[in-house]
Amino acid sequence: MPQKLTNVLVAGRCVSTDRYMQSSIRVMPGCFITGQAIGVAAAMCAEQGCDTRGVPIAQLQRRLKDLGGYLPNC
């Protein structure tokens, strides 16, 4: 989430790195994972009438798992 914007979510490779680190983040699965999470979070906001900072993280994680999302640390 951008720090100074409300209701804006970003997915993919929204980072600034040097050339050395770019080799570590160039793989596609990270883009798929963040894209799915952003889509589900946006749907939850629309359903619940909350802004993006009000999304219950545990509920988001549960919905992603129910959809078959990859959450290795949850």
PDB file of N, CA and C in Angstrom:
ATOM      1  N   MET A   1       0.836  -1.173   0.000  1.00  0.00           N
ATOM      2  CA  MET A   1       0.000   0.000   0.000  1.00  0.00           C
ATOM      3  C   MET A   1       0.881   1.235   0.000  1.00  0.00           C
ATOM      4  N   PRO A   2       0.627   2.139  -0.898  1.00  0.00           N
ATOM      5  CA  PRO A   2       1.371   3.394  -0.862  1.00  0.00           C
ATOM      6  C   PRO A   2       1.102   4.141   0.449  1.00  0.00           C
ATOM      7  N   GLN A   3       2.130   4.693   1.041  1.00  0.00           N
ATOM      8  CA  GLN A   3       2.011   5.322   2.355  1.00  0.00           C
ATOM      9  C   GLN A   3       1.106   6.542   2.367  1.00  0.00           C
ATOM     10  N   LYS A   4       1.119   7.343   1.329  1.00  0.00           N
ATOM     11  CA  LYS A   4       0.393   8.610   1.373  1.00  0.00           C
ATOM     12  C   LYS A   4      -0.887   8.615   0.547  1.00  0.00           C
ATOM     13  N   LEU A   5      -1.311   7.457   0.072  1.00  0.00           N
ATOM     14  CA  LEU A   5      -2.532   7.370  -0.720  1.00  0.00           C
ATOM     15  C   LEU A   5      -3.530   6.455  -0.037  1.00  0.00           C
ATOM     16  N   THR A   6      -4.794   6.773  -0.177  1.00  0.00           N
ATOM     17  CA  THR A   6      -5.853   5.952   0.386  1.00  0.00           C
ATOM     18  C   THR A   6      -6.539   5.192  -0.736  1.00  0.00           C
ATOM     19  N   ASN A   7      -6.889   3.951  -0.463  1.00  0.00           N
ATOM     20  CA  ASN A   7      -7.610   3.092  -1.408  1.00  0.00           C
ATOM     21  C   ASN A   7      -6.854   2.841  -2.701  1.00  0.00           C
ATOM     22  N   VAL A   8      -5.540   2.763  -2.604  1.00  0.00           N
ATOM     23  CA  VAL A   8      -4.706   2.409  -3.747  1.00  0.00           C
ATOM     24  C   VAL A   8      -3.889   1.186  -3.339  1.00  0.00           C
ATOM     25  N   LEU A   9      -4.004   0.126  -4.122  1.00  0.00           N
ATOM     26  CA  LEU A   9      -3.241  -1.093  -3.890  1.00  0.00           C
ATOM     27  C   LEU A   9      -2.340  -1.318  -5.092  1.00  0.00           C
ATOM     28  N   VAL A  10      -1.173  -1.869  -4.858  1.00  0.00           N
ATOM     29  CA  VAL A  10      -0.234  -2.140  -5.944  1.00  0.00           C
ATOM     30  C   VAL A  10       0.196  -3.596  -5.884  1.00  0.00           C
ATOM     31  N   ALA A  11       0.434  -4.174  -7.044  1.00  0.00           N
ATOM     32  CA  ALA A  11       0.841  -5.577  -7.118  1.00  0.00           C
ATOM     33  C   ALA A  11       1.996  -5.712  -8.095  1.00  0.00           C
ATOM     34  N   GLY A  12       2.680  -6.820  -8.014  1.00  0.00           N
ATOM     35  CA  GLY A  12       3.779  -7.071  -8.945  1.00  0.00           C
ATOM     36  C   GLY A  12       5.098  -6.652  -8.353  1.00  0.00           C
ATOM     37  N   ARG A  13       5.891  -6.002  -9.153  1.00  0.00           N
ATOM     38  CA  ARG A  13       7.231  -5.579  -8.725  1.00  0.00           C
ATOM     39  C   ARG A  13       7.250  -4.079  -8.434  1.00  0.00           C
ATOM     40  N   CYS A  14       6.570  -3.706  -7.407  1.00  0.00           N
ATOM     41  CA  CYS A  14       6.467  -2.292  -7.047  1.00  0.00           C
ATOM     42  C   CYS A  14       7.558  -1.946  -6.046  1.00  0.00           C
ATOM     43  N   VAL A  15       8.791  -2.066  -6.491  1.00  0.00           N
ATOM     44  CA  VAL A  15       9.940  -1.828  -5.625  1.00  0.00           C
ATOM     45  C   VAL A  15      11.008  -1.071  -6.394  1.00  0.00           C
ATOM     46  N   SER A  16      11.908  -0.508  -5.670  1.00  0.00           N
ATOM     47  CA  SER A  16      13.068   0.139  -6.261  1.00  0.00           C
ATOM     48  C   SER A  16      14.302  -0.614  -5.766  1.00  0.00           C
ATOM     49  N   THR A  17      15.105  -1.119  -6.692  1.00  0.00           N
ATOM     50  CA  THR A  17      16.285  -1.895  -6.300  1.00  0.00           C
ATOM     51  C   THR A  17      17.465  -1.542  -7.185  1.00  0.00           C
ATOM     52  N   ASP A  18      18.618  -1.999  -6.766  1.00  0.00           N
ATOM     53  CA  ASP A  18      19.780  -1.878  -7.636  1.00  0.00           C
ATOM     54  C   ASP A  18      19.821  -3.089  -8.581  1.00  0.00           C
ATOM     55  N   ARG A  19      20.730  -3.073  -9.512  1.00  0.00           N
ATOM     56  CA  ARG A  19      20.797  -4.114 -10.528  1.00  0.00           C
ATOM     57  C   ARG A  19      21.035  -5.503  -9.926  1.00  0.00           C
ATOM     58  N   TYR A  20      21.821  -5.563  -8.878  1.00  0.00           N
ATOM     59  CA  TYR A  20      22.133  -6.835  -8.226  1.00  0.00           C
ATOM     60  C   TYR A  20      20.858  -7.495  -7.670  1.00  0.00           C
ATOM     61  N   MET A  21      20.031  -6.725  -7.016  1.00  0.00           N
ATOM     62  CA  MET A  21      18.811  -7.266  -6.411  1.00  0.00           C
ATOM     63  C   MET A  21      17.738  -7.590  -7.444  1.00  0.00           C
ATOM     64  N   GLN A  22      17.770  -6.966  -8.588  1.00  0.00           N
ATOM     65  CA  GLN A  22      16.741  -7.217  -9.598  1.00  0.00           C
ATOM     66  C   GLN A  22      16.718  -8.675 -10.033  1.00  0.00           C
ATOM     67  N   SER A  23      17.855  -9.350  -9.997  1.00  0.00           N
ATOM     68  CA  SER A  23      17.875 -10.758 -10.387  1.00  0.00           C
ATOM     69  C   SER A  23      17.058 -11.613  -9.423  1.00  0.00           C
ATOM     70  N   SER A  24      16.948 -11.197  -8.180  1.00  0.00           N
ATOM     71  CA  SER A  24      16.186 -11.957  -7.191  1.00  0.00           C
ATOM     72  C   SER A  24      14.683 -11.746  -7.320  1.00  0.00           C
ATOM     73  N   ILE A  25      14.259 -10.615  -7.849  1.00  0.00           N
ATOM     74  CA  ILE A  25      12.830 -10.317  -7.900  1.00  0.00           C
ATOM     75  C   ILE A  25      12.234 -10.441  -9.291  1.00  0.00           C
ATOM     76  N   ARG A  26      12.994 -10.951 -10.234  1.00  0.00           N
ATOM     77  CA  ARG A  26      12.501 -10.999 -11.603  1.00  0.00           C
ATOM     78  C   ARG A  26      11.556 -12.155 -11.887  1.00  0.00           C
ATOM     79  N   VAL A  27      11.409 -13.081 -10.956  1.00  0.00           N
ATOM     80  CA  VAL A  27      10.567 -14.243 -11.182  1.00  0.00           C
ATOM     81  C   VAL A  27       9.078 -13.869 -11.121  1.00  0.00           C
ATOM     82  N   MET A  28       8.255 -14.579 -11.854  1.00  0.00           N
ATOM     83  CA  MET A  28       6.840 -14.242 -11.998  1.00  0.00           C
ATOM     84  C   MET A  28       5.931 -14.646 -10.828  1.00  0.00           C
ATOM     85  N   PRO A  29       6.191 -15.738 -10.099  1.00  0.00           N
ATOM     86  CA  PRO A  29       5.229 -16.132  -9.059  1.00  0.00           C
ATOM     87  C   PRO A  29       4.897 -15.026  -8.064  1.00  0.00           C
ATOM     88  N   GLY A  30       5.860 -14.206  -7.715  1.00  0.00           N
ATOM     89  CA  GLY A  30       5.576 -13.100  -6.803  1.00  0.00           C
ATOM     90  C   GLY A  30       4.536 -12.146  -7.356  1.00  0.00           C
ATOM     91  N   CYS A  31       4.551 -11.947  -8.657  1.00  0.00           N
ATOM     92  CA  CYS A  31       3.559 -11.081  -9.301  1.00  0.00           C
ATOM     93  C   CYS A  31       2.177 -11.709  -9.247  1.00  0.00           C
ATOM     94  N   PHE A  32       2.112 -13.016  -9.485  1.00  0.00           N
ATOM     95  CA  PHE A  32       0.822 -13.708  -9.425  1.00  0.00           C
ATOM     96  C   PHE A  32       0.242 -13.658  -8.024  1.00  0.00           C
ATOM     97  N   ILE A  33       1.088 -13.913  -7.040  1.00  0.00           N
ATOM     98  CA  ILE A  33       0.635 -13.968  -5.653  1.00  0.00           C
ATOM     99  C   ILE A  33       0.113 -12.604  -5.199  1.00  0.00           C
ATOM    100  N   THR A  34       0.871 -11.551  -5.464  1.00  0.00           N
ATOM    101  CA  THR A  34       0.420 -10.228  -5.020  1.00  0.00           C
ATOM    102  C   THR A  34      -0.803  -9.776  -5.813  1.00  0.00           C
ATOM    103  N   GLY A  35      -0.879 -10.138  -7.077  1.00  0.00           N
ATOM    104  CA  GLY A  35      -2.045  -9.782  -7.880  1.00  0.00           C
ATOM    105  C   GLY A  35      -3.315 -10.422  -7.354  1.00  0.00           C
ATOM    106  N   GLN A  36      -3.242 -11.694  -6.991  1.00  0.00           N
ATOM    107  CA  GLN A  36      -4.401 -12.383  -6.437  1.00  0.00           C
ATOM    108  C   GLN A  36      -4.803 -11.756  -5.102  1.00  0.00           C
ATOM    109  N   ALA A  37      -3.831 -11.460  -4.264  1.00  0.00           N
ATOM    110  CA  ALA A  37      -4.132 -10.862  -2.962  1.00  0.00           C
ATOM    111  C   ALA A  37      -4.772  -9.485  -3.109  1.00  0.00           C
ATOM    112  N   ILE A  38      -4.288  -8.685  -4.044  1.00  0.00           N
ATOM    113  CA  ILE A  38      -4.859  -7.355  -4.270  1.00  0.00           C
ATOM    114  C   ILE A  38      -6.295  -7.464  -4.764  1.00  0.00           C
ATOM    115  N   GLY A  39      -6.533  -8.393  -5.675  1.00  0.00           N
ATOM    116  CA  GLY A  39      -7.891  -8.576  -6.197  1.00  0.00           C
ATOM    117  C   GLY A  39      -8.876  -8.990  -5.121  1.00  0.00           C
ATOM    118  N   VAL A  40      -8.476  -9.931  -4.276  1.00  0.00           N
ATOM    119  CA  VAL A  40      -9.351 -10.383  -3.197  1.00  0.00           C
ATOM    120  C   VAL A  40      -9.556  -9.259  -2.179  1.00  0.00           C
ATOM    121  N   ALA A  41      -8.510  -8.533  -1.853  1.00  0.00           N
ATOM    122  CA  ALA A  41      -8.632  -7.413  -0.906  1.00  0.00           C
ATOM    123  C   ALA A  41      -9.573  -6.340  -1.457  1.00  0.00           C
ATOM    124  N   ALA A  42      -9.471  -6.039  -2.735  1.00  0.00           N
ATOM    125  CA  ALA A  42     -10.356  -5.041  -3.343  1.00  0.00           C
ATOM    126  C   ALA A  42     -11.806  -5.518  -3.300  1.00  0.00           C
ATOM    127  N   ALA A  43     -12.032  -6.807  -3.571  1.00  0.00           N
ATOM    128  CA  ALA A  43     -13.390  -7.352  -3.504  1.00  0.00           C
ATOM    129  C   ALA A  43     -13.936  -7.263  -2.081  1.00  0.00           C
ATOM    130  N   MET A  44     -13.094  -7.553  -1.101  1.00  0.00           N
ATOM    131  CA  MET A  44     -13.524  -7.452   0.291  1.00  0.00           C
ATOM    132  C   MET A  44     -13.899  -6.028   0.648  1.00  0.00           C
ATOM    133  N   CYS A  45     -13.122  -5.062   0.174  1.00  0.00           N
ATOM    134  CA  CYS A  45     -13.435  -3.651   0.434  1.00  0.00           C
ATOM    135  C   CYS A  45     -14.785  -3.279  -0.169  1.00  0.00           C
ATOM    136  N   ALA A  46     -15.033  -3.749  -1.378  1.00  0.00           N
ATOM    137  CA  ALA A  46     -16.304  -3.452  -2.034  1.00  0.00           C
ATOM    138  C   ALA A  46     -17.467  -4.094  -1.272  1.00  0.00           C
ATOM    139  N   GLU A  47     -17.287  -5.314  -0.806  1.00  0.00           N
ATOM    140  CA  GLU A  47     -18.334  -6.016  -0.067  1.00  0.00           C
ATOM    141  C   GLU A  47     -18.597  -5.393   1.298  1.00  0.00           C
ATOM    142  N   GLN A  48     -17.534  -5.009   1.984  1.00  0.00           N
ATOM    143  CA  GLN A  48     -17.652  -4.557   3.369  1.00  0.00           C
ATOM    144  C   GLN A  48     -17.735  -3.040   3.513  1.00  0.00           C
ATOM    145  N   GLY A  49     -17.511  -2.325   2.423  1.00  0.00           N
ATOM    146  CA  GLY A  49     -17.572  -0.871   2.477  1.00  0.00           C
ATOM    147  C   GLY A  49     -16.441  -0.242   3.277  1.00  0.00           C
ATOM    148  N   CYS A  50     -15.303  -0.909   3.333  1.00  0.00           N
ATOM    149  CA  CYS A  50     -14.161  -0.361   4.069  1.00  0.00           C
ATOM    150  C   CYS A  50     -13.121   0.165   3.085  1.00  0.00           C
ATOM    151  N   ASP A  51     -12.163   0.943   3.596  1.00  0.00           N
ATOM    152  CA  ASP A  51     -11.073   1.347   2.713  1.00  0.00           C
ATOM    153  C   ASP A  51      -9.979   0.274   2.784  1.00  0.00           C
ATOM    154  N   THR A  52      -8.981   0.385   1.950  1.00  0.00           N
ATOM    155  CA  THR A  52      -7.983  -0.668   1.824  1.00  0.00           C
ATOM    156  C   THR A  52      -7.181  -0.891   3.100  1.00  0.00           C
ATOM    157  N   ARG A  53      -7.062   0.106   3.930  1.00  0.00           N
ATOM    158  CA  ARG A  53      -6.322  -0.068   5.183  1.00  0.00           C
ATOM    159  C   ARG A  53      -7.161  -0.761   6.248  1.00  0.00           C
ATOM    160  N   GLY A  54      -8.442  -0.944   5.983  1.00  0.00           N
ATOM    161  CA  GLY A  54      -9.326  -1.593   6.948  1.00  0.00           C
ATOM    162  C   GLY A  54      -9.597  -3.054   6.654  1.00  0.00           C
ATOM    163  N   VAL A  55      -8.908  -3.639   5.694  1.00  0.00           N
ATOM    164  CA  VAL A  55      -9.117  -5.049   5.360  1.00  0.00           C
ATOM    165  C   VAL A  55      -8.582  -5.920   6.499  1.00  0.00           C
ATOM    166  N   PRO A  56      -9.416  -6.776   7.062  1.00  0.00           N
ATOM    167  CA  PRO A  56      -8.933  -7.690   8.112  1.00  0.00           C
ATOM    168  C   PRO A  56      -7.959  -8.713   7.508  1.00  0.00           C
ATOM    169  N   ILE A  57      -6.710  -8.657   7.912  1.00  0.00           N
ATOM    170  CA  ILE A  57      -5.666  -9.484   7.299  1.00  0.00           C
ATOM    171  C   ILE A  57      -5.950 -10.971   7.473  1.00  0.00           C
ATOM    172  N   ALA A  58      -6.368 -11.387   8.650  1.00  0.00           N
ATOM    173  CA  ALA A  58      -6.652 -12.815   8.879  1.00  0.00           C
ATOM    174  C   ALA A  58      -7.767 -13.289   7.956  1.00  0.00           C
ATOM    175  N   GLN A  59      -8.768 -12.473   7.764  1.00  0.00           N
ATOM    176  CA  GLN A  59      -9.877 -12.824   6.864  1.00  0.00           C
ATOM    177  C   GLN A  59      -9.391 -12.891   5.411  1.00  0.00           C
ATOM    178  N   LEU A  60      -8.550 -11.964   5.023  1.00  0.00           N
ATOM    179  CA  LEU A  60      -7.976 -11.974   3.676  1.00  0.00           C
ATOM    180  C   LEU A  60      -7.158 -13.250   3.467  1.00  0.00           C
ATOM    181  N   GLN A  61      -6.336 -13.603   4.421  1.00  0.00           N
ATOM    182  CA  GLN A  61      -5.525 -14.810   4.310  1.00  0.00           C
ATOM    183  C   GLN A  61      -6.404 -16.058   4.206  1.00  0.00           C
ATOM    184  N   ARG A  62      -7.459 -16.098   4.994  1.00  0.00           N
ATOM    185  CA  ARG A  62      -8.372 -17.231   4.955  1.00  0.00           C
ATOM    186  C   ARG A  62      -9.033 -17.363   3.582  1.00  0.00           C
ATOM    187  N   ARG A  63      -9.479 -16.239   3.031  1.00  0.00           N
ATOM    188  CA  ARG A  63     -10.115 -16.273   1.711  1.00  0.00           C
ATOM    189  C   ARG A  63      -9.131 -16.687   0.628  1.00  0.00           C
ATOM    190  N   LEU A  64      -7.909 -16.213   0.726  1.00  0.00           N
ATOM    191  CA  LEU A  64      -6.899 -16.611  -0.252  1.00  0.00           C
ATOM    192  C   LEU A  64      -6.624 -18.113  -0.171  1.00  0.00           C
ATOM    193  N   LYS A  65      -6.529 -18.643   1.039  1.00  0.00           N
ATOM    194  CA  LYS A  65      -6.309 -20.083   1.200  1.00  0.00           C
ATOM    195  C   LYS A  65      -7.486 -20.875   0.642  1.00  0.00           C
ATOM    196  N   ASP A  66      -8.708 -20.393   0.894  1.00  0.00           N
ATOM    197  CA  ASP A  66      -9.905 -21.072   0.372  1.00  0.00           C
ATOM    198  C   ASP A  66      -9.904 -21.107  -1.158  1.00  0.00           C
ATOM    199  N   LEU A  67      -9.288 -20.104  -1.771  1.00  0.00           N
ATOM    200  CA  LEU A  67      -9.206 -20.039  -3.228  1.00  0.00           C
ATOM    201  C   LEU A  67      -7.999 -20.812  -3.767  1.00  0.00           C
ATOM    202  N   GLY A  68      -7.221 -21.391  -2.883  1.00  0.00           N
ATOM    203  CA  GLY A  68      -6.043 -22.144  -3.310  1.00  0.00           C
ATOM    204  C   GLY A  68      -4.803 -21.292  -3.431  1.00  0.00           C
ATOM    205  N   GLY A  69      -4.820 -20.094  -2.849  1.00  0.00           N
ATOM    206  CA  GLY A  69      -3.682 -19.192  -2.898  1.00  0.00           C
ATOM    207  C   GLY A  69      -2.480 -19.756  -2.155  1.00  0.00           C
ATOM    208  N   TYR A  70      -1.314 -19.349  -2.559  1.00  0.00           N
ATOM    209  CA  TYR A  70      -0.068 -19.812  -1.946  1.00  0.00           C
ATOM    210  C   TYR A  70       0.337 -18.845  -0.848  1.00  0.00           C
ATOM    211  N   LEU A  71       0.220 -19.276   0.392  1.00  0.00           N
ATOM    212  CA  LEU A  71       0.627 -18.484   1.556  1.00  0.00           C
ATOM    213  C   LEU A  71       1.529 -19.361   2.419  1.00  0.00           C
ATOM    214  N   PRO A  72       2.809 -19.399   2.109  1.00  0.00           N
ATOM    215  CA  PRO A  72       3.702 -20.339   2.785  1.00  0.00           C
ATOM    216  C   PRO A  72       3.943 -20.036   4.261  1.00  0.00           C
ATOM    217  N   ASN A  73       3.705 -18.820   4.698  1.00  0.00           N
ATOM    218  CA  ASN A  73       4.017 -18.452   6.084  1.00  0.00           C
ATOM    219  C   ASN A  73       2.781 -18.317   6.957  1.00  0.00           C
ATOM    220  N   CYS A  74       1.645 -18.762   6.469  1.00  0.00           N
ATOM    221  CA  CYS A  74       0.399 -18.655   7.257  1.00  0.00           C
ATOM    222  C   CYS A  74      -0.152 -20.013   7.602  1.00  0.00           C
TER     223      CYS A  74
END
